[in-house]
Amino acid sequence: MITGAAIVIGLLAVFALIAAGGGLGDEVQAVSEPEVAPPAAELRVGRSLGDPGAPVKIDVFEDPQCPACGLFTERIEPLLVAGPVTAGEVFMTYRDMAFLGPESVDAAAAMRVAEEMDGKFWEYHNVLFHNQSGENGGAFSTERLADMAVLVGLDRDEFLAELGDAQYSEAVDAETAEGRSLGVNSTPTLIIDGVLAPGVPDWDELRSRIDSAVAASGEGEEAG
């Protein structure tokens, strides 16, 4: 028989878990592969994609723990890459805005390590955002970040050794500070040819905006 005291103790345990930041439904699962395929190798320029000479430049500021960024990565980014990036209309660059806590900084640093080790920023990026699970609750612990590295084909020990190098977290902090200086205060935020566009964009509106920018650039070239 369950006594009133047992119920009270159980409720206190739940409240303690929530107060500690564990929440409900935030249990960290085993690392899994994303459905979104990484961009083609010929499109990659480090953490950028496309032709550096493209008429439209888009910087995408994201936090690895931000659910809206996960939505952007899953639904909008593939359309952007398959369409205007591949067509040579857009040069897109991932930028760090790691402001949600220490696991955000660690995860952003891990993406930089993946690029430094074997040019696998985009593989790791997709795995990382696919495996979000709450904030600062272990989803991006060092060991789990290493599991993701193994999933994309990196050596675990080498990855962990690199991740321990402060240069990566310092670079993340510097880029996050740069983002704030540009007016970025939420994620995701796109900067399209210097103009801030916060939030997950509607694809049709983004596509129309890109088309207008491409047309305007063509008119400028003709006038020149």
N, C-alpha and C. Protein backbone atom coordinates (compact mmCIF):
# COMPACT_ATOMS: atom_id res chain seq x y z
N MET A 1 0.84 -1.20 0.00
CA MET A 1 0.00 0.00 0.00
C MET A 1 0.87 1.25 0.00
N ILE A 2 0.56 2.22 -0.83
CA ILE A 2 1.32 3.46 -0.92
C ILE A 2 0.78 4.44 0.11
N THR A 3 1.63 4.89 1.01
CA THR A 3 1.21 5.81 2.07
C THR A 3 1.30 7.24 1.60
N GLY A 4 0.61 8.13 2.37
CA GLY A 4 0.69 9.55 2.04
C GLY A 4 2.11 10.06 2.12
N ALA A 5 2.88 9.56 3.07
CA ALA A 5 4.27 10.00 3.21
C ALA A 5 5.08 9.64 1.99
N ALA A 6 4.83 8.44 1.42
CA ALA A 6 5.57 8.00 0.24
C ALA A 6 5.26 8.89 -0.95
N ILE A 7 3.97 9.28 -1.04
CA ILE A 7 3.59 10.16 -2.15
C ILE A 7 4.29 11.51 -2.02
N VAL A 8 4.33 12.03 -0.80
CA VAL A 8 4.98 13.32 -0.56
C VAL A 8 6.45 13.25 -0.92
N ILE A 9 7.12 12.14 -0.51
CA ILE A 9 8.54 11.97 -0.80
C ILE A 9 8.77 11.91 -2.31
N GLY A 10 7.87 11.19 -3.01
CA GLY A 10 8.00 11.09 -4.45
C GLY A 10 7.85 12.43 -5.14
N LEU A 11 6.86 13.22 -4.68
CA LEU A 11 6.66 14.54 -5.27
C LEU A 11 7.84 15.46 -5.01
N LEU A 12 8.39 15.37 -3.79
CA LEU A 12 9.56 16.17 -3.47
C LEU A 12 10.73 15.83 -4.37
N ALA A 13 10.88 14.55 -4.70
CA ALA A 13 11.97 14.13 -5.60
C ALA A 13 11.79 14.71 -6.99
N VAL A 14 10.54 14.72 -7.46
CA VAL A 14 10.27 15.29 -8.79
C VAL A 14 10.56 16.78 -8.80
N PHE A 15 10.10 17.48 -7.75
CA PHE A 15 10.34 18.92 -7.69
C PHE A 15 11.83 19.23 -7.60
N ALA A 16 12.57 18.39 -6.89
CA ALA A 16 14.01 18.59 -6.78
C ALA A 16 14.68 18.41 -8.13
N LEU A 17 14.21 17.44 -8.92
CA LEU A 17 14.75 17.21 -10.26
C LEU A 17 14.52 18.42 -11.15
N ILE A 18 13.29 18.96 -11.08
CA ILE A 18 12.97 20.13 -11.90
C ILE A 18 13.79 21.32 -11.48
N ALA A 19 13.90 21.53 -10.16
CA ALA A 19 14.68 22.66 -9.65
C ALA A 19 16.14 22.57 -10.05
N ALA A 20 16.65 21.34 -10.18
CA ALA A 20 18.05 21.15 -10.56
C ALA A 20 18.26 21.30 -12.04
N GLY A 21 17.18 21.50 -12.80
CA GLY A 21 17.31 21.72 -14.24
C GLY A 21 17.09 20.46 -15.06
N GLY A 22 16.71 19.36 -14.40
CA GLY A 22 16.52 18.13 -15.13
C GLY A 22 15.27 18.14 -15.95
N GLY A 23 14.20 18.74 -15.40
CA GLY A 23 12.94 18.81 -16.14
C GLY A 23 12.31 17.45 -16.29
N LEU A 24 11.24 17.41 -17.04
CA LEU A 24 10.56 16.16 -17.34
C LEU A 24 10.61 15.96 -18.84
N GLY A 25 10.90 14.78 -19.27
CA GLY A 25 10.94 14.48 -20.70
C GLY A 25 12.24 14.88 -21.35
N ASP A 26 13.28 15.23 -20.54
CA ASP A 26 14.56 15.66 -21.09
C ASP A 26 15.63 14.58 -20.97
N GLU A 27 15.22 13.34 -20.80
CA GLU A 27 16.19 12.26 -20.65
C GLU A 27 17.07 12.17 -21.89
N VAL A 28 18.37 12.11 -21.66
CA VAL A 28 19.32 12.07 -22.77
C VAL A 28 19.33 10.67 -23.38
N GLN A 29 19.08 10.59 -24.66
CA GLN A 29 19.04 9.32 -25.36
C GLN A 29 20.39 9.03 -26.01
N ALA A 30 20.53 7.80 -26.49
CA ALA A 30 21.74 7.43 -27.22
C ALA A 30 21.84 8.28 -28.49
N VAL A 31 23.05 8.56 -28.91
CA VAL A 31 23.27 9.37 -30.11
C VAL A 31 22.72 8.64 -31.33
N SER A 32 21.98 9.37 -32.16
CA SER A 32 21.39 8.76 -33.36
C SER A 32 21.74 9.58 -34.59
N GLU A 33 21.65 8.96 -35.73
CA GLU A 33 21.98 9.63 -36.99
C GLU A 33 20.82 10.49 -37.47
N PRO A 34 21.12 11.66 -38.03
CA PRO A 34 20.07 12.53 -38.55
C PRO A 34 19.57 12.03 -39.89
N GLU A 35 18.36 12.49 -40.24
CA GLU A 35 17.82 12.16 -41.56
C GLU A 35 18.37 13.12 -42.62
N VAL A 36 18.75 14.31 -42.20
CA VAL A 36 19.25 15.33 -43.13
C VAL A 36 20.68 14.98 -43.55
N ALA A 37 20.89 14.84 -44.84
CA ALA A 37 22.23 14.53 -45.35
C ALA A 37 23.10 15.77 -45.32
N PRO A 38 24.41 15.61 -45.09
CA PRO A 38 25.31 16.77 -45.10
C PRO A 38 25.44 17.34 -46.51
N PRO A 39 25.79 18.60 -46.63
CA PRO A 39 25.96 19.22 -47.95
C PRO A 39 27.06 18.52 -48.75
N ALA A 40 26.94 18.59 -50.07
CA ALA A 40 27.94 17.99 -50.95
C ALA A 40 29.31 18.62 -50.72
N ALA A 41 30.34 17.81 -50.86
CA ALA A 41 31.71 18.27 -50.58
C ALA A 41 32.10 19.47 -51.43
N GLU A 42 31.63 19.50 -52.67
CA GLU A 42 32.05 20.59 -53.57
C GLU A 42 31.44 21.94 -53.17
N LEU A 43 30.46 21.95 -52.28
CA LEU A 43 29.86 23.20 -51.83
C LEU A 43 30.58 23.79 -50.62
N ARG A 44 31.42 23.02 -49.98
CA ARG A 44 31.96 23.41 -48.68
C ARG A 44 33.20 24.30 -48.78
N VAL A 45 33.18 25.32 -47.97
CA VAL A 45 34.35 26.17 -47.78
C VAL A 45 34.47 26.35 -46.26
N GLY A 46 35.01 25.33 -45.59
CA GLY A 46 35.04 25.34 -44.14
C GLY A 46 33.64 25.33 -43.56
N ARG A 47 33.32 26.33 -42.75
CA ARG A 47 31.98 26.44 -42.16
C ARG A 47 31.02 27.21 -43.06
N SER A 48 31.42 27.45 -44.29
CA SER A 48 30.58 28.13 -45.27
C SER A 48 30.19 27.15 -46.37
N LEU A 49 29.17 27.54 -47.12
CA LEU A 49 28.69 26.72 -48.24
C LEU A 49 28.43 27.62 -49.44
N GLY A 50 28.86 27.15 -50.62
CA GLY A 50 28.55 27.85 -51.85
C GLY A 50 29.74 28.58 -52.45
N ASP A 51 29.43 29.46 -53.36
CA ASP A 51 30.43 30.25 -54.08
C ASP A 51 30.70 31.54 -53.32
N PRO A 52 31.94 31.76 -52.87
CA PRO A 52 32.25 33.01 -52.16
C PRO A 52 31.92 34.26 -52.97
N GLY A 53 31.83 34.12 -54.29
CA GLY A 53 31.48 35.25 -55.13
C GLY A 53 30.00 35.39 -55.39
N ALA A 54 29.17 34.59 -54.70
CA ALA A 54 27.72 34.66 -54.89
C ALA A 54 27.19 36.05 -54.56
N PRO A 55 26.14 36.50 -55.23
CA PRO A 55 25.64 37.87 -55.02
C PRO A 55 25.01 38.11 -53.65
N VAL A 56 24.55 37.04 -52.99
CA VAL A 56 23.89 37.19 -51.69
C VAL A 56 24.71 36.46 -50.63
N LYS A 57 24.98 37.15 -49.53
CA LYS A 57 25.72 36.56 -48.41
C LYS A 57 24.77 36.41 -47.22
N ILE A 58 24.73 35.21 -46.66
CA ILE A 58 23.89 34.96 -45.48
C ILE A 58 24.74 34.35 -44.38
N ASP A 59 24.78 35.03 -43.24
CA ASP A 59 25.39 34.48 -42.03
C ASP A 59 24.27 33.96 -41.15
N VAL A 60 24.43 32.74 -40.65
CA VAL A 60 23.41 32.12 -39.81
C VAL A 60 23.97 31.94 -38.40
N PHE A 61 23.48 32.74 -37.46
CA PHE A 61 23.92 32.65 -36.07
C PHE A 61 23.02 31.67 -35.33
N GLU A 62 23.66 30.64 -34.73
CA GLU A 62 22.88 29.60 -34.05
C GLU A 62 23.53 29.19 -32.73
N ASP A 63 22.70 28.70 -31.82
CA ASP A 63 23.16 28.08 -30.58
C ASP A 63 22.83 26.59 -30.68
N PRO A 64 23.80 25.71 -30.41
CA PRO A 64 23.56 24.27 -30.56
C PRO A 64 22.41 23.72 -29.71
N GLN A 65 22.09 24.41 -28.59
CA GLN A 65 21.02 23.92 -27.73
C GLN A 65 19.67 24.53 -28.05
N CYS A 66 19.62 25.43 -29.02
CA CYS A 66 18.38 26.14 -29.35
C CYS A 66 17.45 25.26 -30.19
N PRO A 67 16.25 24.93 -29.69
CA PRO A 67 15.32 24.09 -30.47
C PRO A 67 14.93 24.71 -31.81
N ALA A 68 14.77 26.04 -31.83
CA ALA A 68 14.42 26.70 -33.09
C ALA A 68 15.53 26.55 -34.11
N CYS A 69 16.79 26.52 -33.63
CA CYS A 69 17.91 26.29 -34.55
C CYS A 69 17.88 24.87 -35.09
N GLY A 70 17.46 23.94 -34.24
CA GLY A 70 17.29 22.57 -34.70
C GLY A 70 16.24 22.48 -35.79
N LEU A 71 15.17 23.25 -35.63
CA LEU A 71 14.10 23.29 -36.64
C LEU A 71 14.62 23.89 -37.94
N PHE A 72 15.40 24.97 -37.83
CA PHE A 72 15.99 25.58 -39.02
C PHE A 72 16.89 24.59 -39.74
N THR A 73 17.72 23.88 -38.99
CA THR A 73 18.66 22.91 -39.57
C THR A 73 17.93 21.79 -40.29
N GLU A 74 16.81 21.38 -39.72
CA GLU A 74 16.08 20.24 -40.27
C GLU A 74 15.20 20.62 -41.46
N ARG A 75 14.58 21.81 -41.42
CA ARG A 75 13.55 22.13 -42.41
C ARG A 75 13.94 23.21 -43.43
N ILE A 76 14.65 24.22 -42.98
CA ILE A 76 14.93 25.35 -43.88
C ILE A 76 16.30 25.23 -44.54
N GLU A 77 17.29 24.89 -43.76
CA GLU A 77 18.66 24.81 -44.30
C GLU A 77 18.78 23.88 -45.51
N PRO A 78 18.16 22.69 -45.49
CA PRO A 78 18.28 21.82 -46.68
C PRO A 78 17.71 22.47 -47.95
N LEU A 79 16.63 23.23 -47.80
CA LEU A 79 16.04 23.93 -48.95
C LEU A 79 16.96 25.03 -49.44
N LEU A 80 17.58 25.72 -48.50
CA LEU A 80 18.51 26.80 -48.83
C LEU A 80 19.73 26.25 -49.58
N VAL A 81 20.24 25.12 -49.09
CA VAL A 81 21.42 24.51 -49.71
C VAL A 81 21.09 23.94 -51.09
N ALA A 82 19.98 23.20 -51.16
CA ALA A 82 19.62 22.56 -52.43
C ALA A 82 19.24 23.56 -53.51
N GLY A 83 18.72 24.72 -53.09
CA GLY A 83 18.29 25.72 -54.05
C GLY A 83 19.33 26.79 -54.31
N PRO A 84 19.22 27.95 -53.65
CA PRO A 84 20.08 29.09 -53.99
C PRO A 84 21.57 28.90 -53.71
N VAL A 85 21.93 28.09 -52.72
CA VAL A 85 23.36 27.86 -52.49
C VAL A 85 23.96 27.07 -53.64
N THR A 86 23.31 25.97 -54.00
CA THR A 86 23.80 25.14 -55.10
C THR A 86 23.77 25.90 -56.42
N ALA A 87 22.82 26.79 -56.59
CA ALA A 87 22.69 27.56 -57.84
C ALA A 87 23.71 28.69 -57.93
N GLY A 88 24.50 28.90 -56.88
CA GLY A 88 25.50 29.96 -56.91
C GLY A 88 24.96 31.33 -56.57
N GLU A 89 23.74 31.37 -56.01
CA GLU A 89 23.12 32.65 -55.68
C GLU A 89 23.44 33.11 -54.26
N VAL A 90 23.72 32.14 -53.37
CA VAL A 90 23.92 32.46 -51.95
C VAL A 90 25.21 31.82 -51.44
N PHE A 91 25.96 32.59 -50.68
CA PHE A 91 27.11 32.07 -49.94
C PHE A 91 26.71 32.12 -48.47
N MET A 92 26.54 30.94 -47.85
CA MET A 92 26.02 30.85 -46.49
C MET A 92 27.13 30.44 -45.52
N THR A 93 27.16 31.09 -44.36
CA THR A 93 28.18 30.81 -43.36
C THR A 93 27.54 30.55 -42.00
N TYR A 94 27.92 29.45 -41.36
CA TYR A 94 27.47 29.18 -39.99
C TYR A 94 28.28 30.04 -39.04
N ARG A 95 27.60 30.68 -38.08
CA ARG A 95 28.28 31.51 -37.09
C ARG A 95 27.84 31.09 -35.69
N ASP A 96 28.76 31.13 -34.74
CA ASP A 96 28.47 30.77 -33.36
C ASP A 96 27.75 31.89 -32.63
N MET A 97 26.66 31.51 -31.95
CA MET A 97 25.99 32.38 -30.98
C MET A 97 25.66 31.51 -29.78
N ALA A 98 26.70 31.08 -29.09
CA ALA A 98 26.57 30.09 -28.01
C ALA A 98 26.32 30.80 -26.68
N PHE A 99 25.04 31.09 -26.40
CA PHE A 99 24.72 31.91 -25.23
C PHE A 99 23.80 31.21 -24.23
N LEU A 100 23.45 29.95 -24.47
CA LEU A 100 22.52 29.25 -23.59
C LEU A 100 23.19 28.47 -22.47
N GLY A 101 24.51 28.56 -22.37
CA GLY A 101 25.17 27.88 -21.26
C GLY A 101 26.42 27.14 -21.69
N PRO A 102 27.09 26.49 -20.74
CA PRO A 102 28.38 25.86 -21.03
C PRO A 102 28.32 24.75 -22.08
N GLU A 103 27.21 24.00 -22.13
CA GLU A 103 27.13 22.95 -23.13
C GLU A 103 27.01 23.52 -24.54
N SER A 104 26.48 24.73 -24.66
CA SER A 104 26.43 25.39 -25.96
C SER A 104 27.84 25.69 -26.45
N VAL A 105 28.67 26.21 -25.55
CA VAL A 105 30.05 26.53 -25.92
C VAL A 105 30.82 25.25 -26.26
N ASP A 106 30.64 24.21 -25.45
CA ASP A 106 31.34 22.95 -25.70
C ASP A 106 30.92 22.35 -27.05
N ALA A 107 29.62 22.40 -27.34
CA ALA A 107 29.13 21.83 -28.59
C ALA A 107 29.62 22.62 -29.80
N ALA A 108 29.62 23.94 -29.69
CA ALA A 108 30.12 24.78 -30.78
C ALA A 108 31.61 24.53 -31.00
N ALA A 109 32.35 24.38 -29.90
CA ALA A 109 33.77 24.06 -30.01
C ALA A 109 33.97 22.72 -30.69
N ALA A 110 33.10 21.75 -30.37
CA ALA A 110 33.21 20.42 -30.96
C ALA A 110 33.03 20.46 -32.48
N MET A 111 32.13 21.32 -32.96
CA MET A 111 31.96 21.46 -34.41
C MET A 111 33.23 22.00 -35.05
N ARG A 112 33.88 22.92 -34.37
CA ARG A 112 35.14 23.47 -34.89
C ARG A 112 36.23 22.39 -34.91
N VAL A 113 36.25 21.55 -33.89
CA VAL A 113 37.22 20.46 -33.84
C VAL A 113 36.99 19.50 -35.01
N ALA A 114 35.73 19.17 -35.28
CA ALA A 114 35.41 18.25 -36.37
C ALA A 114 35.91 18.80 -37.71
N GLU A 115 35.80 20.10 -37.89
CA GLU A 115 36.30 20.72 -39.11
C GLU A 115 37.82 20.68 -39.16
N GLU A 116 38.45 20.99 -38.04
CA GLU A 116 39.91 21.01 -37.98
C GLU A 116 40.50 19.62 -38.21
N MET A 117 39.86 18.60 -37.66
CA MET A 117 40.41 17.24 -37.75
C MET A 117 40.30 16.65 -39.15
N ASP A 118 39.11 16.79 -39.75
CA ASP A 118 38.91 16.08 -41.02
C ASP A 118 37.90 16.77 -41.93
N GLY A 119 37.74 18.08 -41.77
CA GLY A 119 36.81 18.79 -42.62
C GLY A 119 35.38 18.31 -42.49
N LYS A 120 35.00 17.88 -41.27
CA LYS A 120 33.67 17.29 -41.08
C LYS A 120 32.74 18.18 -40.26
N PHE A 121 32.90 19.48 -40.43
CA PHE A 121 32.01 20.39 -39.71
C PHE A 121 30.56 20.08 -40.01
N TRP A 122 30.20 19.94 -41.28
CA TRP A 122 28.78 19.81 -41.63
C TRP A 122 28.19 18.48 -41.22
N GLU A 123 28.98 17.40 -41.28
CA GLU A 123 28.48 16.11 -40.77
C GLU A 123 28.19 16.23 -39.28
N TYR A 124 29.16 16.81 -38.56
CA TYR A 124 29.01 16.92 -37.12
C TYR A 124 27.87 17.89 -36.77
N HIS A 125 27.78 18.97 -37.48
CA HIS A 125 26.70 19.95 -37.29
C HIS A 125 25.34 19.28 -37.36
N ASN A 126 25.12 18.46 -38.38
CA ASN A 126 23.82 17.81 -38.53
C ASN A 126 23.54 16.83 -37.40
N VAL A 127 24.55 16.06 -37.01
CA VAL A 127 24.39 15.10 -35.91
C VAL A 127 24.10 15.85 -34.61
N LEU A 128 24.81 16.92 -34.37
CA LEU A 128 24.66 17.68 -33.14
C LEU A 128 23.25 18.22 -32.97
N PHE A 129 22.75 18.92 -33.99
CA PHE A 129 21.43 19.51 -33.88
C PHE A 129 20.33 18.45 -33.83
N HIS A 130 20.57 17.32 -34.44
CA HIS A 130 19.60 16.22 -34.40
C HIS A 130 19.50 15.62 -33.00
N ASN A 131 20.58 15.72 -32.23
CA ASN A 131 20.63 15.07 -30.91
C ASN A 131 20.47 16.05 -29.76
N GLN A 132 19.78 17.14 -29.99
CA GLN A 132 19.45 18.06 -28.91
C GLN A 132 18.55 17.36 -27.89
N SER A 133 18.67 17.76 -26.62
CA SER A 133 17.80 17.19 -25.59
C SER A 133 17.86 18.09 -24.35
N GLY A 134 17.11 19.18 -24.36
CA GLY A 134 17.11 20.09 -23.23
C GLY A 134 18.36 20.94 -23.19
N GLU A 135 18.48 21.72 -22.13
CA GLU A 135 19.61 22.64 -21.99
C GLU A 135 20.47 22.28 -20.78
N ASN A 136 21.77 22.12 -21.03
CA ASN A 136 22.76 21.92 -19.97
C ASN A 136 22.40 20.78 -19.02
N GLY A 137 21.84 19.73 -19.60
CA GLY A 137 21.48 18.56 -18.81
C GLY A 137 22.23 17.30 -19.22
N GLY A 138 23.29 17.46 -20.01
CA GLY A 138 24.09 16.31 -20.39
C GLY A 138 23.99 15.90 -21.84
N ALA A 139 23.08 16.53 -22.59
CA ALA A 139 22.95 16.17 -24.01
C ALA A 139 24.26 16.41 -24.76
N PHE A 140 24.97 17.46 -24.35
CA PHE A 140 26.24 17.78 -24.99
C PHE A 140 27.39 17.70 -23.98
N SER A 141 27.34 16.64 -23.16
CA SER A 141 28.46 16.34 -22.28
C SER A 141 29.67 15.96 -23.13
N THR A 142 30.84 16.00 -22.54
CA THR A 142 32.06 15.67 -23.29
C THR A 142 31.99 14.29 -23.89
N GLU A 143 31.50 13.32 -23.12
CA GLU A 143 31.44 11.95 -23.63
C GLU A 143 30.43 11.81 -24.76
N ARG A 144 29.33 12.52 -24.66
CA ARG A 144 28.33 12.42 -25.73
C ARG A 144 28.82 13.12 -26.98
N LEU A 145 29.53 14.23 -26.81
CA LEU A 145 30.14 14.89 -27.97
C LEU A 145 31.14 13.96 -28.65
N ALA A 146 31.86 13.18 -27.85
CA ALA A 146 32.81 12.22 -28.40
C ALA A 146 32.07 11.10 -29.13
N ASP A 147 30.92 10.68 -28.61
CA ASP A 147 30.11 9.66 -29.30
C ASP A 147 29.70 10.17 -30.68
N MET A 148 29.35 11.44 -30.77
CA MET A 148 28.97 12.02 -32.05
C MET A 148 30.16 12.06 -33.01
N ALA A 149 31.34 12.33 -32.45
CA ALA A 149 32.55 12.34 -33.28
C ALA A 149 32.79 10.97 -33.90
N VAL A 150 32.62 9.94 -33.11
CA VAL A 150 32.80 8.57 -33.61
C VAL A 150 31.76 8.28 -34.70
N LEU A 151 30.54 8.77 -34.50
CA LEU A 151 29.46 8.53 -35.47
C LEU A 151 29.80 9.11 -36.84
N VAL A 152 30.53 10.24 -36.87
CA VAL A 152 30.88 10.86 -38.16
C VAL A 152 32.25 10.41 -38.66
N GLY A 153 32.85 9.44 -37.95
CA GLY A 153 34.09 8.84 -38.46
C GLY A 153 35.37 9.43 -37.91
N LEU A 154 35.31 10.16 -36.80
CA LEU A 154 36.51 10.72 -36.20
C LEU A 154 37.05 9.82 -35.10
N ASP A 155 38.34 9.90 -34.85
CA ASP A 155 38.97 9.12 -33.79
C ASP A 155 38.60 9.73 -32.43
N ARG A 156 38.08 8.92 -31.55
CA ARG A 156 37.58 9.41 -30.27
C ARG A 156 38.68 10.08 -29.43
N ASP A 157 39.79 9.40 -29.27
CA ASP A 157 40.87 9.93 -28.41
C ASP A 157 41.44 11.22 -28.98
N GLU A 158 41.64 11.26 -30.29
CA GLU A 158 42.16 12.48 -30.91
C GLU A 158 41.17 13.62 -30.77
N PHE A 159 39.88 13.30 -30.94
CA PHE A 159 38.83 14.32 -30.80
C PHE A 159 38.83 14.91 -29.40
N LEU A 160 38.89 14.05 -28.39
CA LEU A 160 38.86 14.51 -27.01
C LEU A 160 40.09 15.36 -26.68
N ALA A 161 41.22 14.96 -27.22
CA ALA A 161 42.44 15.74 -26.99
C ALA A 161 42.32 17.13 -27.59
N GLU A 162 41.78 17.21 -28.81
CA GLU A 162 41.59 18.51 -29.47
C GLU A 162 40.55 19.35 -28.74
N LEU A 163 39.49 18.70 -28.30
CA LEU A 163 38.41 19.43 -27.63
C LEU A 163 38.90 20.07 -26.34
N GLY A 164 39.92 19.49 -25.75
CA GLY A 164 40.49 20.06 -24.53
C GLY A 164 41.34 21.28 -24.75
N ASP A 165 41.60 21.63 -26.01
CA ASP A 165 42.41 22.80 -26.33
C ASP A 165 41.53 24.05 -26.24
N ALA A 166 41.92 24.99 -25.40
CA ALA A 166 41.11 26.18 -25.14
C ALA A 166 40.91 27.06 -26.37
N GLN A 167 41.73 26.88 -27.40
CA GLN A 167 41.60 27.76 -28.57
C GLN A 167 40.21 27.68 -29.20
N TYR A 168 39.59 26.49 -29.12
CA TYR A 168 38.28 26.31 -29.76
C TYR A 168 37.18 27.04 -28.99
N SER A 169 37.14 26.88 -27.68
CA SER A 169 36.12 27.57 -26.90
C SER A 169 36.35 29.08 -26.92
N GLU A 170 37.61 29.50 -26.97
CA GLU A 170 37.90 30.93 -27.06
C GLU A 170 37.40 31.51 -28.39
N ALA A 171 37.53 30.73 -29.46
CA ALA A 171 37.03 31.18 -30.77
C ALA A 171 35.51 31.28 -30.76
N VAL A 172 34.86 30.33 -30.08
CA VAL A 172 33.40 30.36 -29.96
C VAL A 172 32.96 31.61 -29.19
N ASP A 173 33.63 31.87 -28.07
CA ASP A 173 33.29 33.05 -27.26
C ASP A 173 33.48 34.33 -28.06
N ALA A 174 34.57 34.39 -28.83
CA ALA A 174 34.85 35.60 -29.62
C ALA A 174 33.78 35.82 -30.68
N GLU A 175 33.35 34.74 -31.34
CA GLU A 175 32.34 34.91 -32.39
C GLU A 175 30.98 35.24 -31.79
N THR A 176 30.69 34.67 -30.63
CA THR A 176 29.44 35.01 -29.94
C THR A 176 29.42 36.50 -29.57
N ALA A 177 30.55 36.99 -29.08
CA ALA A 177 30.65 38.42 -28.76
C ALA A 177 30.49 39.27 -30.01
N GLU A 178 31.05 38.80 -31.12
CA GLU A 178 30.90 39.53 -32.38
C GLU A 178 29.44 39.59 -32.79
N GLY A 179 28.74 38.46 -32.63
CA GLY A 179 27.32 38.44 -32.96
C GLY A 179 26.53 39.45 -32.16
N ARG A 180 26.82 39.52 -30.86
CA ARG A 180 26.13 40.50 -30.02
C ARG A 180 26.42 41.93 -30.50
N SER A 181 27.65 42.17 -30.92
CA SER A 181 28.01 43.51 -31.39
C SER A 181 27.27 43.87 -32.67
N LEU A 182 26.84 42.86 -33.41
CA LEU A 182 26.09 43.09 -34.65
C LEU A 182 24.59 43.21 -34.40
N GLY A 183 24.19 43.00 -33.14
CA GLY A 183 22.77 43.12 -32.80
C GLY A 183 22.04 41.81 -32.67
N VAL A 184 22.76 40.69 -32.74
CA VAL A 184 22.13 39.38 -32.61
C VAL A 184 21.84 39.13 -31.13
N ASN A 185 20.58 38.89 -30.78
CA ASN A 185 20.22 38.61 -29.39
C ASN A 185 19.27 37.44 -29.25
N SER A 186 19.09 36.70 -30.32
CA SER A 186 18.27 35.48 -30.28
C SER A 186 18.74 34.56 -31.40
N THR A 187 18.33 33.30 -31.29
CA THR A 187 18.73 32.34 -32.33
C THR A 187 17.52 31.53 -32.80
N PRO A 188 17.53 31.13 -34.07
CA PRO A 188 18.52 31.53 -35.07
C PRO A 188 18.29 32.97 -35.52
N THR A 189 19.36 33.61 -35.94
CA THR A 189 19.28 34.92 -36.58
C THR A 189 20.09 34.86 -37.87
N LEU A 190 19.44 35.18 -38.97
CA LEU A 190 20.14 35.28 -40.25
C LEU A 190 20.52 36.73 -40.48
N ILE A 191 21.70 36.96 -40.99
CA ILE A 191 22.08 38.29 -41.46
C ILE A 191 22.22 38.17 -42.97
N ILE A 192 21.28 38.78 -43.68
CA ILE A 192 21.20 38.66 -45.13
C ILE A 192 21.70 39.96 -45.74
N ASP A 193 22.89 39.89 -46.33
CA ASP A 193 23.51 41.10 -46.89
C ASP A 193 23.51 42.25 -45.88
N GLY A 194 23.86 41.92 -44.64
CA GLY A 194 24.00 42.94 -43.61
C GLY A 194 22.74 43.27 -42.84
N VAL A 195 21.60 42.70 -43.21
CA VAL A 195 20.32 43.00 -42.56
C VAL A 195 19.91 41.83 -41.67
N LEU A 196 19.62 42.12 -40.39
CA LEU A 196 19.24 41.06 -39.45
C LEU A 196 17.84 40.53 -39.73
N ALA A 197 17.69 39.21 -39.65
CA ALA A 197 16.39 38.56 -39.81
C ALA A 197 16.28 37.48 -38.73
N PRO A 198 15.80 37.84 -37.53
CA PRO A 198 15.73 36.86 -36.44
C PRO A 198 14.59 35.86 -36.61
N GLY A 199 14.79 34.68 -36.02
CA GLY A 199 13.75 33.66 -36.03
C GLY A 199 13.89 32.69 -37.19
N VAL A 200 13.12 31.60 -37.12
CA VAL A 200 13.10 30.63 -38.21
C VAL A 200 12.30 31.23 -39.36
N PRO A 201 12.93 31.46 -40.50
CA PRO A 201 12.22 32.14 -41.59
C PRO A 201 11.21 31.22 -42.28
N ASP A 202 10.16 31.84 -42.79
CA ASP A 202 9.26 31.14 -43.69
C ASP A 202 10.01 30.94 -45.01
N TRP A 203 10.00 29.72 -45.53
CA TRP A 203 10.82 29.44 -46.70
C TRP A 203 10.42 30.29 -47.91
N ASP A 204 9.12 30.41 -48.16
CA ASP A 204 8.69 31.17 -49.33
C ASP A 204 9.13 32.64 -49.23
N GLU A 205 9.04 33.20 -48.02
CA GLU A 205 9.47 34.59 -47.84
C GLU A 205 10.98 34.73 -48.00
N LEU A 206 11.73 33.76 -47.48
CA LEU A 206 13.19 33.80 -47.62
C LEU A 206 13.59 33.65 -49.08
N ARG A 207 12.95 32.73 -49.76
CA ARG A 207 13.25 32.51 -51.19
C ARG A 207 12.96 33.78 -51.99
N SER A 208 11.85 34.45 -51.69
CA SER A 208 11.49 35.68 -52.39
C SER A 208 12.50 36.78 -52.10
N ARG A 209 12.95 36.84 -50.85
CA ARG A 209 13.94 37.85 -50.48
C ARG A 209 15.26 37.62 -51.22
N ILE A 210 15.66 36.37 -51.33
CA ILE A 210 16.90 36.03 -52.04
C ILE A 210 16.76 36.38 -53.52
N ASP A 211 15.61 36.03 -54.10
CA ASP A 211 15.39 36.33 -55.52
C ASP A 211 15.49 37.83 -55.78
N SER A 212 14.93 38.63 -54.88
CA SER A 212 14.96 40.09 -55.05
C SER A 212 16.39 40.61 -54.95
N ALA A 213 17.16 40.03 -54.00
CA ALA A 213 18.55 40.46 -53.83
C ALA A 213 19.40 40.08 -55.03
N VAL A 214 19.15 38.90 -55.57
CA VAL A 214 19.89 38.45 -56.76
C VAL A 214 19.56 39.35 -57.95
N ALA A 215 18.28 39.67 -58.11
CA ALA A 215 17.86 40.55 -59.22
C ALA A 215 18.47 41.93 -59.07
N ALA A 216 18.50 42.44 -57.84
CA ALA A 216 19.06 43.76 -57.60
C ALA A 216 20.56 43.79 -57.90
N SER A 217 21.24 42.70 -57.57
CA SER A 217 22.68 42.63 -57.84
C SER A 217 22.95 42.60 -59.33
N GLY A 218 22.07 41.93 -60.08
CA GLY A 218 22.22 41.89 -61.53
C GLY A 218 22.00 43.26 -62.16
N GLU A 219 21.02 43.99 -61.63
CA GLU A 219 20.75 45.33 -62.16
C GLU A 219 21.93 46.26 -61.88
N GLY A 220 22.56 46.06 -60.70
CA GLY A 220 23.70 46.88 -60.34
C GLY A 220 24.88 46.62 -61.25
N GLU A 221 25.09 45.37 -61.63
CA GLU A 221 26.19 45.02 -62.53
C GLU A 221 25.95 45.62 -63.91
N GLU A 222 24.68 45.59 -64.38
CA GLU A 222 24.38 46.14 -65.70
C GLU A 222 24.61 47.67 -65.71
N ALA A 223 24.22 48.30 -64.59
CA ALA A 223 24.38 49.75 -64.51
C ALA A 223 25.86 50.13 -64.48
N GLY A 224 26.67 49.24 -63.85
CA GLY A 224 28.12 49.52 -63.78
C GLY A 224 28.78 49.32 -65.11
